[in-house]
Amino acid sequence: MSLIKEALKQVLKKPATLNYPIEKVPVPEGFRGRPIWDMRKCIGCGLCSRVCPSGAIEMIGKGPQAEIKHYVDRCMFCAQCAESCPRNAITMSQEYELADFDRSKMVYEYKHV
């Protein structure tokens, strides 16, 4: 009899989980999402690619004409690149839905304009 009583109590309660694709919880402060480069501030020093422990950042060229490729499928989101940038050109976004079936869509390219 106690099983039926417990089942009826649970039916009347609000669900503990969210209806995820429709309802989203805001990310907490300090969340480390995908790194984003501000190429107006970037001087092309290459420090971000040298300190990246997973090799997720590729620097093509040097100086102000350098191009950056960020491979999200390799990134650990450790924020080491953002911490080491001397010009604060890298910020960690709040973006976390980065999964994809095609790896070519997981490469972000940044170029000076």
Protein backbone atom coordinates (compact mmCIF):
# COMPACT_ATOMS: atom_id res chain seq x y z
CA MET A 1 0.00 0.00 0.00
CA SER A 2 2.89 2.40 0.71
CA LEU A 3 4.12 2.00 -2.88
CA ILE A 4 0.84 3.32 -4.27
CA LYS A 5 0.86 6.16 -1.75
CA GLU A 6 4.41 7.16 -2.78
CA ALA A 7 3.51 6.95 -6.49
CA LEU A 8 0.54 9.28 -6.00
CA LYS A 9 2.74 11.79 -4.13
CA GLN A 10 5.25 11.83 -6.99
CA VAL A 11 2.59 12.25 -9.67
CA LEU A 12 1.44 15.48 -8.05
CA LYS A 13 4.96 16.97 -7.79
CA LYS A 14 6.64 19.16 -10.37
CA PRO A 15 9.40 17.34 -12.33
CA ALA A 16 12.96 17.82 -11.06
CA THR A 17 14.43 17.99 -14.57
CA LEU A 18 14.10 20.61 -17.30
CA ASN A 19 12.61 20.19 -20.73
CA TYR A 20 16.12 20.85 -22.12
CA PRO A 21 15.93 21.98 -25.70
CA ILE A 22 13.08 24.33 -24.83
CA GLU A 23 14.11 25.40 -21.31
CA LYS A 24 17.71 26.38 -20.64
CA VAL A 25 19.41 27.28 -17.39
CA PRO A 26 21.68 30.34 -17.54
CA VAL A 27 25.34 29.42 -17.20
CA PRO A 28 27.06 30.31 -13.92
CA GLU A 29 29.49 33.22 -13.63
CA GLY A 30 33.03 32.20 -14.50
CA PHE A 31 31.88 29.57 -17.00
CA ARG A 32 34.55 28.77 -19.59
CA GLY A 33 32.89 28.29 -22.95
CA ARG A 34 34.39 28.62 -26.42
CA PRO A 35 37.28 31.12 -26.64
CA ILE A 36 36.67 34.08 -28.94
CA TRP A 37 39.43 36.27 -30.42
CA ASP A 38 39.08 40.01 -30.89
CA MET A 39 41.34 40.48 -33.90
CA ARG A 40 41.41 44.28 -33.44
CA LYS A 41 43.37 43.72 -30.21
CA CYS A 42 45.43 40.70 -31.37
CA ILE A 43 49.05 41.47 -32.24
CA GLY A 44 49.79 37.99 -33.61
CA CYS A 45 52.41 37.08 -31.01
CA GLY A 46 51.44 33.39 -31.05
CA LEU A 47 51.57 33.00 -27.29
CA CYS A 48 48.08 31.47 -27.23
CA SER A 49 49.08 28.67 -29.58
CA ARG A 50 52.28 27.96 -27.63
CA VAL A 51 50.57 27.64 -24.24
CA CYS A 52 47.59 25.57 -25.44
CA PRO A 53 48.04 22.15 -23.79
CA SER A 54 45.85 20.33 -26.31
CA GLY A 55 47.16 21.98 -29.50
CA ALA A 56 43.74 23.38 -30.36
CA ILE A 57 45.10 26.71 -31.65
CA GLU A 58 47.00 27.00 -34.92
CA MET A 59 48.74 30.24 -35.79
CA ILE A 60 49.32 30.87 -39.50
CA GLY A 61 51.87 33.63 -39.99
CA LYS A 62 53.08 36.12 -37.42
CA GLY A 63 52.44 39.68 -36.52
CA PRO A 64 49.41 41.75 -37.39
CA GLN A 65 48.62 39.71 -40.52
CA ALA A 66 48.48 36.39 -38.65
CA GLU A 67 45.48 34.10 -38.96
CA ILE A 68 44.24 31.89 -36.15
CA LYS A 69 42.46 28.56 -36.43
CA HIS A 70 40.75 27.25 -33.31
CA TYR A 71 39.81 23.56 -33.33
CA VAL A 72 36.90 23.16 -30.92
CA ASP A 73 37.06 19.36 -31.08
CA ARG A 74 40.55 19.49 -29.50
CA CYS A 75 39.92 22.29 -27.00
CA MET A 76 39.78 21.53 -23.26
CA PHE A 77 38.29 24.97 -22.44
CA CYS A 78 40.99 25.51 -19.83
CA ALA A 79 41.23 29.28 -20.60
CA GLN A 80 45.03 29.14 -20.63
CA CYS A 81 45.02 31.05 -23.93
CA ALA A 82 42.89 33.85 -22.48
CA GLU A 83 45.05 34.13 -19.36
CA SER A 84 48.31 34.28 -21.31
CA CYS A 85 47.21 36.83 -23.94
CA PRO A 86 49.17 40.06 -23.33
CA ARG A 87 46.49 42.24 -25.00
CA ASN A 88 43.38 40.52 -23.55
CA ALA A 89 42.25 39.72 -27.10
CA ILE A 90 40.79 36.36 -26.07
CA THR A 91 37.64 36.02 -23.99
CA MET A 92 35.82 32.89 -22.91
CA SER A 93 32.24 32.92 -24.17
CA GLN A 94 29.19 31.40 -22.53
CA GLU A 95 28.57 29.14 -25.52
CA TYR A 96 28.42 25.46 -24.62
CA GLU A 97 26.35 23.73 -27.32
CA LEU A 98 29.29 22.98 -29.61
CA ALA A 99 28.74 19.36 -30.63
CA ASP A 100 28.42 18.54 -34.32
CA PHE A 101 28.55 15.54 -36.64
CA ASP A 102 30.88 17.27 -39.10
CA ARG A 103 34.36 18.07 -37.74
CA SER A 104 34.92 20.72 -40.41
CA LYS A 105 32.19 22.82 -38.74
CA MET A 106 34.16 22.72 -35.48
CA VAL A 107 36.99 24.90 -36.79
CA TYR A 108 36.75 28.66 -36.21
CA GLU A 109 39.00 30.94 -38.25
CA TYR A 110 39.97 34.44 -37.20
CA LYS A 111 41.60 36.88 -39.62
CA HIS A 112 42.59 40.52 -39.42
CA VAL A 113 40.27 42.74 -41.40
